Amino acid sequence: EFNAFYPDENILFVSEGSLTEVARVDFEIGLMEEVVFENDAATPY
């Protein structure tokens, strides 16, 4: 749909370990990293 609506632009879906990375976040949504427990103490992200 994106390629049909915007043929002069490119879209790329990536994930962990991809050569292309998001360098400057313009928009972010969803779960953040979970709280990690070490020695019964919470380590916030």
PDB file of all heavy atoms in Angstrom:
ATOM      1  N   GLU A   1       0.831  -1.201   0.000  1.00  0.00           N
ATOM      2  CA  GLU A   1       0.000   0.000   0.000  1.00  0.00           C
ATOM      3  C   GLU A   1       0.866   1.252   0.000  1.00  0.00           C
ATOM      4  O   GLU A   1       0.605   2.206  -0.734  1.00  0.00           O
ATOM      5  CB  GLU A   1      -0.930  -0.036   1.219  1.00  0.00           C
ATOM      6  CG  GLU A   1      -2.056   0.973   1.155  1.00  0.00           C
ATOM      7  CD  GLU A   1      -3.030   0.801   2.290  1.00  0.00           C
ATOM      8  OE1 GLU A   1      -2.638   1.031   3.462  1.00  0.00           O
ATOM      9  OE2 GLU A   1      -4.190   0.444   2.015  1.00  0.00           O
ATOM     10  N   PHE A   2       1.931   1.251   0.816  1.00  0.00           N
ATOM     11  CA  PHE A   2       2.837   2.395   0.881  1.00  0.00           C
ATOM     12  C   PHE A   2       3.471   2.643  -0.491  1.00  0.00           C
ATOM     13  O   PHE A   2       3.518   3.786  -0.959  1.00  0.00           O
ATOM     14  CB  PHE A   2       3.925   2.150   1.931  1.00  0.00           C
ATOM     15  CG  PHE A   2       4.889   3.297   2.066  1.00  0.00           C
ATOM     16  CD1 PHE A   2       4.607   4.349   2.921  1.00  0.00           C
ATOM     17  CD2 PHE A   2       6.066   3.335   1.333  1.00  0.00           C
ATOM     18  CE1 PHE A   2       5.480   5.422   3.043  1.00  0.00           C
ATOM     19  CE2 PHE A   2       6.944   4.394   1.444  1.00  0.00           C
ATOM     20  CZ  PHE A   2       6.656   5.441   2.301  1.00  0.00           C
ATOM     21  N   ASN A   3       3.954   1.587  -1.136  1.00  0.00           N
ATOM     22  CA  ASN A   3       4.584   1.739  -2.457  1.00  0.00           C
ATOM     23  C   ASN A   3       3.601   2.238  -3.507  1.00  0.00           C
ATOM     24  O   ASN A   3       3.988   2.976  -4.415  1.00  0.00           O
ATOM     25  CB  ASN A   3       5.217   0.417  -2.892  1.00  0.00           C
ATOM     26  CG  ASN A   3       6.452   0.086  -2.067  1.00  0.00           C
ATOM     27  OD1 ASN A   3       7.170   0.969  -1.620  1.00  0.00           O
ATOM     28  ND2 ASN A   3       6.691  -1.195  -1.864  1.00  0.00           N
ATOM     29  N   ALA A   4       2.335   1.872  -3.378  1.00  0.00           N
ATOM     30  CA  ALA A   4       1.320   2.356  -4.316  1.00  0.00           C
ATOM     31  C   ALA A   4       1.009   3.837  -4.080  1.00  0.00           C
ATOM     32  O   ALA A   4       0.875   4.603  -5.031  1.00  0.00           O
ATOM     33  CB  ALA A   4       0.048   1.524  -4.186  1.00  0.00           C
ATOM     34  N   PHE A   5       0.913   4.244  -2.810  1.00  0.00           N
ATOM     35  CA  PHE A   5       0.576   5.632  -2.480  1.00  0.00           C
ATOM     36  C   PHE A   5       1.767   6.575  -2.643  1.00  0.00           C
ATOM     37  O   PHE A   5       1.604   7.733  -3.002  1.00  0.00           O
ATOM     38  CB  PHE A   5       0.074   5.741  -1.046  1.00  0.00           C
ATOM     39  CG  PHE A   5      -1.272   5.125  -0.795  1.00  0.00           C
ATOM     40  CD1 PHE A   5      -1.601   4.673   0.476  1.00  0.00           C
ATOM     41  CD2 PHE A   5      -2.220   4.990  -1.784  1.00  0.00           C
ATOM     42  CE1 PHE A   5      -2.838   4.113   0.737  1.00  0.00           C
ATOM     43  CE2 PHE A   5      -3.460   4.429  -1.546  1.00  0.00           C
ATOM     44  CZ  PHE A   5      -3.766   3.985  -0.276  1.00  0.00           C
ATOM     45  N   TYR A   6       2.974   6.100  -2.328  1.00  0.00           N
ATOM     46  CA  TYR A   6       4.172   6.953  -2.297  1.00  0.00           C
ATOM     47  C   TYR A   6       5.296   6.285  -3.096  1.00  0.00           C
ATOM     48  O   TYR A   6       6.292   5.828  -2.532  1.00  0.00           O
ATOM     49  CB  TYR A   6       4.600   7.205  -0.853  1.00  0.00           C
ATOM     50  CG  TYR A   6       3.467   7.657   0.023  1.00  0.00           C
ATOM     51  CD1 TYR A   6       2.823   6.764   0.880  1.00  0.00           C
ATOM     52  CD2 TYR A   6       2.999   8.972  -0.021  1.00  0.00           C
ATOM     53  CE1 TYR A   6       1.753   7.170   1.672  1.00  0.00           C
ATOM     54  CE2 TYR A   6       1.936   9.384   0.763  1.00  0.00           C
ATOM     55  CZ  TYR A   6       1.322   8.470   1.608  1.00  0.00           C
ATOM     56  OH  TYR A   6       0.261   8.862   2.381  1.00  0.00           O
ATOM     57  N   PRO A   7       5.168   6.222  -4.419  1.00  0.00           N
ATOM     58  CA  PRO A   7       6.140   5.488  -5.240  1.00  0.00           C
ATOM     59  C   PRO A   7       7.544   6.100  -5.257  1.00  0.00           C
ATOM     60  O   PRO A   7       8.510   5.405  -5.583  1.00  0.00           O
ATOM     61  CB  PRO A   7       5.519   5.510  -6.637  1.00  0.00           C
ATOM     62  CG  PRO A   7       4.590   6.674  -6.626  1.00  0.00           C
ATOM     63  CD  PRO A   7       4.096   6.812  -5.215  1.00  0.00           C
ATOM     64  N   ASP A   8       7.688   7.354  -4.881  1.00  0.00           N
ATOM     65  CA  ASP A   8       8.995   8.005  -4.889  1.00  0.00           C
ATOM     66  C   ASP A   8       9.729   7.886  -3.554  1.00  0.00           C
ATOM     67  O   ASP A   8      10.806   8.462  -3.388  1.00  0.00           O
ATOM     68  CB  ASP A   8       8.848   9.494  -5.244  1.00  0.00           C
ATOM     69  CG  ASP A   8       8.310   9.679  -6.658  1.00  0.00           C
ATOM     70  OD1 ASP A   8       8.564   8.791  -7.498  1.00  0.00           O
ATOM     71  OD2 ASP A   8       7.634  10.689  -6.909  1.00  0.00           O
ATOM     72  N   GLU A   9       9.139   7.151  -2.605  1.00  0.00           N
ATOM     73  CA  GLU A   9       9.750   6.994  -1.291  1.00  0.00           C
ATOM     74  C   GLU A   9       9.998   5.515  -1.016  1.00  0.00           C
ATOM     75  O   GLU A   9       9.446   4.645  -1.683  1.00  0.00           O
ATOM     76  CB  GLU A   9       8.841   7.606  -0.215  1.00  0.00           C
ATOM     77  CG  GLU A   9       8.616   9.096  -0.440  1.00  0.00           C
ATOM     78  CD  GLU A   9       7.809   9.752   0.663  1.00  0.00           C
ATOM     79  OE1 GLU A   9       7.997   9.396   1.839  1.00  0.00           O
ATOM     80  OE2 GLU A   9       6.984  10.624   0.340  1.00  0.00           O
ATOM     81  N   ASN A  10      10.858   5.247  -0.030  1.00  0.00           N
ATOM     82  CA  ASN A  10      11.224   3.877   0.310  1.00  0.00           C
ATOM     83  C   ASN A  10      10.793   3.556   1.732  1.00  0.00           C
ATOM     84  O   ASN A  10      10.853   4.408   2.618  1.00  0.00           O
ATOM     85  CB  ASN A  10      12.742   3.695   0.228  1.00  0.00           C
ATOM     86  CG  ASN A  10      13.273   4.010  -1.146  1.00  0.00           C
ATOM     87  OD1 ASN A  10      12.839   3.423  -2.115  1.00  0.00           O
ATOM     88  ND2 ASN A  10      14.189   4.963  -1.224  1.00  0.00           N
ATOM     89  N   ILE A  11      10.416   2.297   1.967  1.00  0.00           N
ATOM     90  CA  ILE A  11      10.084   1.830   3.305  1.00  0.00           C
ATOM     91  C   ILE A  11      10.897   0.571   3.567  1.00  0.00           C
ATOM     92  O   ILE A  11      11.082  -0.262   2.669  1.00  0.00           O
ATOM     93  CB  ILE A  11       8.570   1.572   3.475  1.00  0.00           C
ATOM     94  CG1 ILE A  11       8.264   1.176   4.924  1.00  0.00           C
ATOM     95  CG2 ILE A  11       8.072   0.556   2.481  1.00  0.00           C
ATOM     96  CD1 ILE A  11       6.786   1.116   5.241  1.00  0.00           C
ATOM     97  N   LEU A  12      11.399   0.462   4.798  1.00  0.00           N
ATOM     98  CA  LEU A  12      12.206  -0.689   5.170  1.00  0.00           C
ATOM     99  C   LEU A  12      11.839  -1.103   6.590  1.00  0.00           C
ATOM    100  O   LEU A  12      11.908  -0.294   7.521  1.00  0.00           O
ATOM    101  CB  LEU A  12      13.696  -0.332   5.099  1.00  0.00           C
ATOM    102  CG  LEU A  12      14.690  -1.411   5.468  1.00  0.00           C
ATOM    103  CD1 LEU A  12      14.578  -2.598   4.511  1.00  0.00           C
ATOM    104  CD2 LEU A  12      16.096  -0.857   5.464  1.00  0.00           C
ATOM    105  N   PHE A  13      11.416  -2.358   6.746  1.00  0.00           N
ATOM    106  CA  PHE A  13      11.151  -2.923   8.052  1.00  0.00           C
ATOM    107  C   PHE A  13      12.403  -3.668   8.489  1.00  0.00           C
ATOM    108  O   PHE A  13      12.954  -4.471   7.728  1.00  0.00           O
ATOM    109  CB  PHE A  13       9.961  -3.890   8.005  1.00  0.00           C
ATOM    110  CG  PHE A  13       8.634  -3.204   7.916  1.00  0.00           C
ATOM    111  CD1 PHE A  13       8.099  -2.854   6.696  1.00  0.00           C
ATOM    112  CD2 PHE A  13       7.921  -2.915   9.066  1.00  0.00           C
ATOM    113  CE1 PHE A  13       6.860  -2.224   6.606  1.00  0.00           C
ATOM    114  CE2 PHE A  13       6.684  -2.283   8.991  1.00  0.00           C
ATOM    115  CZ  PHE A  13       6.157  -1.936   7.764  1.00  0.00           C
ATOM    116  N   VAL A  14      12.860  -3.401   9.714  1.00  0.00           N
ATOM    117  CA  VAL A  14      14.054  -4.042  10.254  1.00  0.00           C
ATOM    118  C   VAL A  14      13.767  -4.546  11.658  1.00  0.00           C
ATOM    119  O   VAL A  14      12.739  -4.211  12.257  1.00  0.00           O
ATOM    120  CB  VAL A  14      15.262  -3.071  10.274  1.00  0.00           C
ATOM    121  CG1 VAL A  14      15.610  -2.603   8.874  1.00  0.00           C
ATOM    122  CG2 VAL A  14      15.005  -1.891  11.192  1.00  0.00           C
ATOM    123  N   SER A  15      14.700  -5.326  12.185  1.00  0.00           N
ATOM    124  CA  SER A  15      14.603  -5.787  13.563  1.00  0.00           C
ATOM    125  C   SER A  15      16.007  -5.909  14.128  1.00  0.00           C
ATOM    126  O   SER A  15      16.972  -5.416  13.531  1.00  0.00           O
ATOM    127  CB  SER A  15      13.849  -7.115  13.647  1.00  0.00           C
ATOM    128  OG  SER A  15      13.497  -7.379  14.995  1.00  0.00           O
ATOM    129  N   GLU A  16      16.134  -6.584  15.271  1.00  0.00           N
ATOM    130  CA  GLU A  16      17.422  -6.739  15.930  1.00  0.00           C
ATOM    131  C   GLU A  16      18.438  -7.354  14.982  1.00  0.00           C
ATOM    132  O   GLU A  16      18.134  -8.288  14.261  1.00  0.00           O
ATOM    133  CB  GLU A  16      17.272  -7.654  17.146  1.00  0.00           C
ATOM    134  CG  GLU A  16      16.315  -7.122  18.188  1.00  0.00           C
ATOM    135  CD  GLU A  16      16.022  -8.168  19.251  1.00  0.00           C
ATOM    136  OE1 GLU A  16      16.978  -8.721  19.822  1.00  0.00           O
ATOM    137  OE2 GLU A  16      14.841  -8.427  19.488  1.00  0.00           O
ATOM    138  N   GLY A  17      19.653  -6.823  14.986  1.00  0.00           N
ATOM    139  CA  GLY A  17      20.721  -7.376  14.175  1.00  0.00           C
ATOM    140  C   GLY A  17      20.729  -6.928  12.727  1.00  0.00           C
ATOM    141  O   GLY A  17      21.567  -7.377  11.953  1.00  0.00           O
ATOM    142  N   SER A  18      19.830  -6.060  12.333  1.00  0.00           N
ATOM    143  CA  SER A  18      19.798  -5.584  10.952  1.00  0.00           C
ATOM    144  C   SER A  18      20.956  -4.629  10.698  1.00  0.00           C
ATOM    145  O   SER A  18      21.404  -3.927  11.605  1.00  0.00           O
ATOM    146  CB  SER A  18      18.483  -4.856  10.665  1.00  0.00           C
ATOM    147  OG  SER A  18      17.411  -5.745  10.766  1.00  0.00           O
ATOM    148  N   LEU A  19      21.442  -4.605   9.457  1.00  0.00           N
ATOM    149  CA  LEU A  19      22.508  -3.667   9.112  1.00  0.00           C
ATOM    150  C   LEU A  19      22.014  -2.227   9.149  1.00  0.00           C
ATOM    151  O   LEU A  19      22.757  -1.314   9.478  1.00  0.00           O
ATOM    152  CB  LEU A  19      23.077  -4.001   7.733  1.00  0.00           C
ATOM    153  CG  LEU A  19      23.798  -5.343   7.632  1.00  0.00           C
ATOM    154  CD1 LEU A  19      24.232  -5.601   6.197  1.00  0.00           C
ATOM    155  CD2 LEU A  19      24.981  -5.389   8.578  1.00  0.00           C
ATOM    156  N   THR A  20      20.760  -2.016   8.788  1.00  0.00           N
ATOM    157  CA  THR A  20      20.151  -0.689   8.869  1.00  0.00           C
ATOM    158  C   THR A  20      19.491  -0.562  10.225  1.00  0.00           C
ATOM    159  O   THR A  20      18.739  -1.437  10.641  1.00  0.00           O
ATOM    160  CB  THR A  20      19.106  -0.495   7.765  1.00  0.00           C
ATOM    161  OG1 THR A  20      19.733  -0.695   6.500  1.00  0.00           O
ATOM    162  CG2 THR A  20      18.498   0.896   7.821  1.00  0.00           C
ATOM    163  N   GLU A  21      19.772   0.528  10.925  1.00  0.00           N
ATOM    164  CA  GLU A  21      19.224   0.742  12.258  1.00  0.00           C
ATOM    165  C   GLU A  21      18.524   2.090  12.325  1.00  0.00           C
ATOM    166  O   GLU A  21      18.842   3.009  11.576  1.00  0.00           O
ATOM    167  CB  GLU A  21      20.335   0.709  13.302  1.00  0.00           C
ATOM    168  CG  GLU A  21      21.027  -0.624  13.411  1.00  0.00           C
ATOM    169  CD  GLU A  21      22.142  -0.607  14.449  1.00  0.00           C
ATOM    170  OE1 GLU A  21      22.540   0.487  14.896  1.00  0.00           O
ATOM    171  OE2 GLU A  21      22.614  -1.704  14.802  1.00  0.00           O
ATOM    172  N   VAL A  22      17.603   2.197  13.255  1.00  0.00           N
ATOM    173  CA  VAL A  22      16.960   3.477  13.530  1.00  0.00           C
ATOM    174  C   VAL A  22      17.959   4.308  14.327  1.00  0.00           C
ATOM    175  O   VAL A  22      18.333   3.936  15.441  1.00  0.00           O
ATOM    176  CB  VAL A  22      15.647   3.281  14.313  1.00  0.00           C
ATOM    177  CG1 VAL A  22      15.088   4.615  14.769  1.00  0.00           C
ATOM    178  CG2 VAL A  22      14.640   2.532  13.461  1.00  0.00           C
ATOM    179  N   ALA A  23      18.427   5.398  13.742  1.00  0.00           N
ATOM    180  CA  ALA A  23      19.433   6.237  14.389  1.00  0.00           C
ATOM    181  C   ALA A  23      18.795   7.379  15.179  1.00  0.00           C
ATOM    182  O   ALA A  23      19.287   7.763  16.233  1.00  0.00           O
ATOM    183  CB  ALA A  23      20.391   6.796  13.344  1.00  0.00           C
ATOM    184  N   ARG A  24      17.737   7.942  14.652  1.00  0.00           N
ATOM    185  CA  ARG A  24      17.051   9.075  15.290  1.00  0.00           C
ATOM    186  C   ARG A  24      15.565   8.756  15.291  1.00  0.00           C
ATOM    187  O   ARG A  24      14.916   8.766  14.254  1.00  0.00           O
ATOM    188  CB  ARG A  24      17.318  10.361  14.497  1.00  0.00           C
ATOM    189  CG  ARG A  24      16.683  11.605  15.091  1.00  0.00           C
ATOM    190  CD  ARG A  24      16.845  12.821  14.181  1.00  0.00           C
ATOM    191  NE  ARG A  24      16.572  12.561  12.777  1.00  0.00           N
ATOM    192  CZ  ARG A  24      15.350  12.547  12.236  1.00  0.00           C
ATOM    193  NH1 ARG A  24      14.286  12.749  12.972  1.00  0.00           N
ATOM    194  NH2 ARG A  24      15.200  12.319  10.941  1.00  0.00           N
ATOM    195  N   VAL A  25      15.028   8.475  16.452  1.00  0.00           N
ATOM    196  CA  VAL A  25      13.633   8.042  16.565  1.00  0.00           C
ATOM    197  C   VAL A  25      12.703   9.243  16.372  1.00  0.00           C
ATOM    198  O   VAL A  25      12.790  10.225  17.096  1.00  0.00           O
ATOM    199  CB  VAL A  25      13.370   7.385  17.934  1.00  0.00           C
ATOM    200  CG1 VAL A  25      11.908   6.991  18.065  1.00  0.00           C
ATOM    201  CG2 VAL A  25      14.277   6.181  18.125  1.00  0.00           C
ATOM    202  N   ASP A  26      11.824   9.143  15.374  1.00  0.00           N
ATOM    203  CA  ASP A  26      10.803  10.164  15.155  1.00  0.00           C
ATOM    204  C   ASP A  26       9.492   9.804  15.844  1.00  0.00           C
ATOM    205  O   ASP A  26       8.706  10.679  16.193  1.00  0.00           O
ATOM    206  CB  ASP A  26      10.535  10.340  13.657  1.00  0.00           C
ATOM    207  CG  ASP A  26      11.722  10.938  12.930  1.00  0.00           C
ATOM    208  OD1 ASP A  26      12.345  11.868  13.473  1.00  0.00           O
ATOM    209  OD2 ASP A  26      12.036  10.471  11.824  1.00  0.00           O
ATOM    210  N   PHE A  27       9.270   8.505  16.022  1.00  0.00           N
ATOM    211  CA  PHE A  27       8.021   8.029  16.614  1.00  0.00           C
ATOM    212  C   PHE A  27       8.296   6.666  17.221  1.00  0.00           C
ATOM    213  O   PHE A  27       8.992   5.845  16.622  1.00  0.00           O
ATOM    214  CB  PHE A  27       6.939   7.933  15.529  1.00  0.00           C
ATOM    215  CG  PHE A  27       5.614   7.447  16.009  1.00  0.00           C
ATOM    216  CD1 PHE A  27       4.773   8.275  16.740  1.00  0.00           C
ATOM    217  CD2 PHE A  27       5.189   6.161  15.732  1.00  0.00           C
ATOM    218  CE1 PHE A  27       3.547   7.822  17.182  1.00  0.00           C
ATOM    219  CE2 PHE A  27       3.963   5.696  16.162  1.00  0.00           C
ATOM    220  CZ  PHE A  27       3.138   6.540  16.892  1.00  0.00           C
ATOM    221  N   GLU A  28       7.755   6.439  18.417  1.00  0.00           N
ATOM    222  CA  GLU A  28       7.962   5.161  19.094  1.00  0.00           C
ATOM    223  C   GLU A  28       6.696   4.781  19.845  1.00  0.00           C
ATOM    224  O   GLU A  28       6.042   5.629  20.445  1.00  0.00           O
ATOM    225  CB  GLU A  28       9.131   5.292  20.072  1.00  0.00           C
ATOM    226  CG  GLU A  28       9.482   4.027  20.793  1.00  0.00           C
ATOM    227  CD  GLU A  28      10.764   4.161  21.592  1.00  0.00           C
ATOM    228  OE1 GLU A  28      11.273   5.288  21.756  1.00  0.00           O
ATOM    229  OE2 GLU A  28      11.264   3.136  22.050  1.00  0.00           O
ATOM    230  N   ILE A  29       6.367   3.512  19.787  1.00  0.00           N
ATOM    231  CA  ILE A  29       5.168   3.045  20.460  1.00  0.00           C
ATOM    232  C   ILE A  29       5.373   1.587  20.857  1.00  0.00           C
ATOM    233  O   ILE A  29       6.151   0.872  20.246  1.00  0.00           O
ATOM    234  CB  ILE A  29       3.923   3.198  19.553  1.00  0.00           C
ATOM    235  CG1 ILE A  29       2.644   3.023  20.333  1.00  0.00           C
ATOM    236  CG2 ILE A  29       3.989   2.259  18.376  1.00  0.00           C
ATOM    237  CD1 ILE A  29       1.391   3.465  19.586  1.00  0.00           C
ATOM    238  N   GLY A  30       4.687   1.185  21.893  1.00  0.00           N
ATOM    239  CA  GLY A  30       4.741  -0.210  22.320  1.00  0.00           C
ATOM    240  C   GLY A  30       5.494  -0.368  23.615  1.00  0.00           C
ATOM    241  O   GLY A  30       5.847   0.596  24.286  1.00  0.00           O
ATOM    242  N   LEU A  31       5.739  -1.607  23.949  1.00  0.00           N
ATOM    243  CA  LEU A  31       6.382  -1.935  25.211  1.00  0.00           C
ATOM    244  C   LEU A  31       7.836  -1.505  25.220  1.00  0.00           C
ATOM    245  O   LEU A  31       8.553  -1.693  24.252  1.00  0.00           O
ATOM    246  CB  LEU A  31       6.313  -3.438  25.468  1.00  0.00           C
ATOM    247  CG  LEU A  31       4.916  -4.031  25.630  1.00  0.00           C
ATOM    248  CD1 LEU A  31       5.028  -5.541  25.798  1.00  0.00           C
ATOM    249  CD2 LEU A  31       4.218  -3.431  26.825  1.00  0.00           C
ATOM    250  N   MET A  32       8.248  -0.942  26.342  1.00  0.00           N
ATOM    251  CA  MET A  32       9.655  -0.645  26.560  1.00  0.00           C
ATOM    252  C   MET A  32      10.282  -1.883  27.175  1.00  0.00           C
ATOM    253  O   MET A  32       9.598  -2.838  27.500  1.00  0.00           O
ATOM    254  CB  MET A  32       9.809   0.559  27.496  1.00  0.00           C
ATOM    255  CG  MET A  32       9.172   1.825  26.966  1.00  0.00           C
ATOM    256  SD  MET A  32       9.943   2.416  25.466  1.00  0.00           S
ATOM    257  CE  MET A  32      11.417   3.112  26.143  1.00  0.00           C
ATOM    258  N   GLU A  33      11.572  -1.855  27.371  1.00  0.00           N
ATOM    259  CA  GLU A  33      12.229  -2.985  28.010  1.00  0.00           C
ATOM    260  C   GLU A  33      11.644  -3.193  29.401  1.00  0.00           C
ATOM    261  O   GLU A  33      11.282  -2.248  30.090  1.00  0.00           O
ATOM    262  CB  GLU A  33      13.732  -2.727  28.124  1.00  0.00           C
ATOM    263  CG  GLU A  33      14.425  -2.743  26.782  1.00  0.00           C
ATOM    264  CD  GLU A  33      15.917  -2.563  26.917  1.00  0.00           C
ATOM    265  OE1 GLU A  33      16.474  -2.933  27.962  1.00  0.00           O
ATOM    266  OE2 GLU A  33      16.515  -2.052  25.978  1.00  0.00           O
ATOM    267  N   GLU A  34      11.560  -4.442  29.789  1.00  0.00           N
ATOM    268  CA  GLU A  34      11.000  -4.768  31.086  1.00  0.00           C
ATOM    269  C   GLU A  34      11.982  -4.412  32.198  1.00  0.00           C
ATOM    270  O   GLU A  34      13.177  -4.312  31.977  1.00  0.00           O
ATOM    271  CB  GLU A  34      10.668  -6.253  31.150  1.00  0.00           C
ATOM    272  CG  GLU A  34       9.593  -6.647  30.162  1.00  0.00           C
ATOM    273  CD  GLU A  34       9.278  -8.125  30.242  1.00  0.00           C
ATOM    274  OE1 GLU A  34       9.623  -8.756  31.254  1.00  0.00           O
ATOM    275  OE2 GLU A  34       8.693  -8.638  29.294  1.00  0.00           O
ATOM    276  N   VAL A  35      11.457  -4.233  33.406  1.00  0.00           N
ATOM    277  CA  VAL A  35      12.298  -3.976  34.562  1.00  0.00           C
ATOM    278  C   VAL A  35      13.068  -5.245  34.885  1.00  0.00           C
ATOM    279  O   VAL A  35      12.510  -6.342  34.913  1.00  0.00           O
ATOM    280  CB  VAL A  35      11.434  -3.536  35.776  1.00  0.00           C
ATOM    281  CG1 VAL A  35      12.287  -3.388  37.011  1.00  0.00           C
ATOM    282  CG2 VAL A  35      10.709  -2.248  35.450  1.00  0.00           C
ATOM    283  N   VAL A  36      14.363  -5.110  35.112  1.00  0.00           N
ATOM    284  CA  VAL A  36      15.217  -6.244  35.421  1.00  0.00           C
ATOM    285  C   VAL A  36      15.481  -6.261  36.916  1.00  0.00           C
ATOM    286  O   VAL A  36      15.806  -5.229  37.504  1.00  0.00           O
ATOM    287  CB  VAL A  36      16.558  -6.139  34.655  1.00  0.00           C
ATOM    288  CG1 VAL A  36      17.483  -7.287  35.017  1.00  0.00           C
ATOM    289  CG2 VAL A  36      16.299  -6.084  33.160  1.00  0.00           C
ATOM    290  N   PHE A  37      15.347  -7.418  37.534  1.00  0.00           N
ATOM    291  CA  PHE A  37      15.566  -7.538  38.965  1.00  0.00           C
ATOM    292  C   PHE A  37      16.914  -8.195  39.226  1.00  0.00           C
ATOM    293  O   PHE A  37      17.183  -9.284  38.725  1.00  0.00           O
ATOM    294  CB  PHE A  37      14.451  -8.366  39.626  1.00  0.00           C
ATOM    295  CG  PHE A  37      13.135  -7.668  39.609  1.00  0.00           C
ATOM    296  CD1 PHE A  37      12.227  -7.877  38.594  1.00  0.00           C
ATOM    297  CD2 PHE A  37      12.804  -6.765  40.612  1.00  0.00           C
ATOM    298  CE1 PHE A  37      11.017  -7.222  38.573  1.00  0.00           C
ATOM    299  CE2 PHE A  37      11.602  -6.098  40.593  1.00  0.00           C
ATOM    300  CZ  PHE A  37      10.699  -6.323  39.575  1.00  0.00           C
ATOM    301  N   GLU A  38      17.748  -7.498  39.967  1.00  0.00           N
ATOM    302  CA  GLU A  38      19.043  -8.022  40.372  1.00  0.00           C
ATOM    303  C   GLU A  38      19.143  -7.891  41.876  1.00  0.00           C
ATOM    304  O   GLU A  38      18.993  -6.799  42.422  1.00  0.00           O
ATOM    305  CB  GLU A  38      20.170  -7.245  39.711  1.00  0.00           C
ATOM    306  CG  GLU A  38      20.189  -7.390  38.194  1.00  0.00           C
ATOM    307  CD  GLU A  38      21.241  -6.512  37.549  1.00  0.00           C
ATOM    308  OE1 GLU A  38      21.966  -5.812  38.280  1.00  0.00           O
ATOM    309  OE2 GLU A  38      21.331  -6.522  36.316  1.00  0.00           O
ATOM    310  N   ASN A  39      19.384  -9.002  42.558  1.00  0.00           N
ATOM    311  CA  ASN A  39      19.525  -9.002  44.012  1.00  0.00           C
ATOM    312  C   ASN A  39      18.312  -8.395  44.701  1.00  0.00           C
ATOM    313  O   ASN A  39      18.433  -7.570  45.604  1.00  0.00           O
ATOM    314  CB  ASN A  39      20.800  -8.272  44.444  1.00  0.00           C
ATOM    315  CG  ASN A  39      22.033  -8.905  43.868  1.00  0.00           C
ATOM    316  OD1 ASN A  39      22.079 -10.112  43.693  1.00  0.00           O
ATOM    317  ND2 ASN A  39      23.019  -8.097  43.543  1.00  0.00           N
ATOM    318  N   ASP A  40      17.131  -8.749  44.230  1.00  0.00           N
ATOM    319  CA  ASP A  40      15.867  -8.290  44.812  1.00  0.00           C
ATOM    320  C   ASP A  40      15.678  -6.778  44.725  1.00  0.00           C
ATOM    321  O   ASP A  40      14.888  -6.200  45.466  1.00  0.00           O
ATOM    322  CB  ASP A  40      15.738  -8.740  46.270  1.00  0.00           C
ATOM    323  CG  ASP A  40      15.678 -10.245  46.367  1.00  0.00           C
ATOM    324  OD1 ASP A  40      15.120 -10.893  45.447  1.00  0.00           O
ATOM    325  OD2 ASP A  40      16.191 -10.770  47.357  1.00  0.00           O
ATOM    326  N   ALA A  41      16.404  -6.109  43.863  1.00  0.00           N
ATOM    327  CA  ALA A  41      16.234  -4.657  43.688  1.00  0.00           C
ATOM    328  C   ALA A  41      15.896  -4.389  42.224  1.00  0.00           C
ATOM    329  O   ALA A  41      16.486  -4.976  41.324  1.00  0.00           O
ATOM    330  CB  ALA A  41      17.505  -3.910  44.084  1.00  0.00           C
ATOM    331  N   ALA A  42      14.941  -3.512  41.985  1.00  0.00           N
ATOM    332  CA  ALA A  42      14.539  -3.182  40.619  1.00  0.00           C
ATOM    333  C   ALA A  42      15.554  -2.249  39.982  1.00  0.00           C
ATOM    334  O   ALA A  42      16.017  -1.300  40.598  1.00  0.00           O
ATOM    335  CB  ALA A  42      13.164  -2.530  40.622  1.00  0.00           C
ATOM    336  N   THR A  43      15.906  -2.542  38.751  1.00  0.00           N
ATOM    337  CA  THR A  43      16.781  -1.668  37.981  1.00  0.00           C
ATOM    338  C   THR A  43      15.942  -1.046  36.878  1.00  0.00           C
ATOM    339  O   THR A  43      15.596  -1.723  35.909  1.00  0.00           O
ATOM    340  CB  THR A  43      17.945  -2.474  37.363  1.00  0.00           C
ATOM    341  OG1 THR A  43      18.622  -3.164  38.391  1.00  0.00           O
ATOM    342  CG2 THR A  43      18.898  -1.558  36.616  1.00  0.00           C
ATOM    343  N   PRO A  44      15.557   0.220  37.027  1.00  0.00           N
ATOM    344  CA  PRO A  44      14.680   0.821  36.008  1.00  0.00           C
ATOM    345  C   PRO A  44      15.447   1.100  34.720  1.00  0.00           C
ATOM    346  O   PRO A  44      16.658   1.278  34.724  1.00  0.00           O
ATOM    347  CB  PRO A  44      14.223   2.125  36.666  1.00  0.00           C
ATOM    348  CG  PRO A  44      15.301   2.446  37.642  1.00  0.00           C
ATOM    349  CD  PRO A  44      15.871   1.136  38.112  1.00  0.00           C
ATOM    350  N   TYR A  45      14.706   1.139  33.629  1.00  0.00           N
ATOM    351  CA  TYR A  45      15.251   1.471  32.316  1.00  0.00           C
ATOM    352  C   TYR A  45      15.004   2.955  32.083  1.00  0.00           C
ATOM    353  O   TYR A  45      13.880   3.428  32.197  1.00  0.00           O
ATOM    354  CB  TYR A  45      14.547   0.634  31.246  1.00  0.00           C
ATOM    355  CG  TYR A  45      14.874   1.047  29.837  1.00  0.00           C
ATOM    356  CD1 TYR A  45      16.073   0.669  29.254  1.00  0.00           C
ATOM    357  CD2 TYR A  45      13.992   1.814  29.095  1.00  0.00           C
ATOM    358  CE1 TYR A  45      16.382   1.034  27.966  1.00  0.00           C
ATOM    359  CE2 TYR A  45      14.290   2.187  27.804  1.00  0.00           C
ATOM    360  CZ  TYR A  45      15.495   1.787  27.243  1.00  0.00           C
ATOM    361  OH  TYR A  45      15.788   2.163  25.958  1.00  0.00           O
TER     362      TYR A  45
END
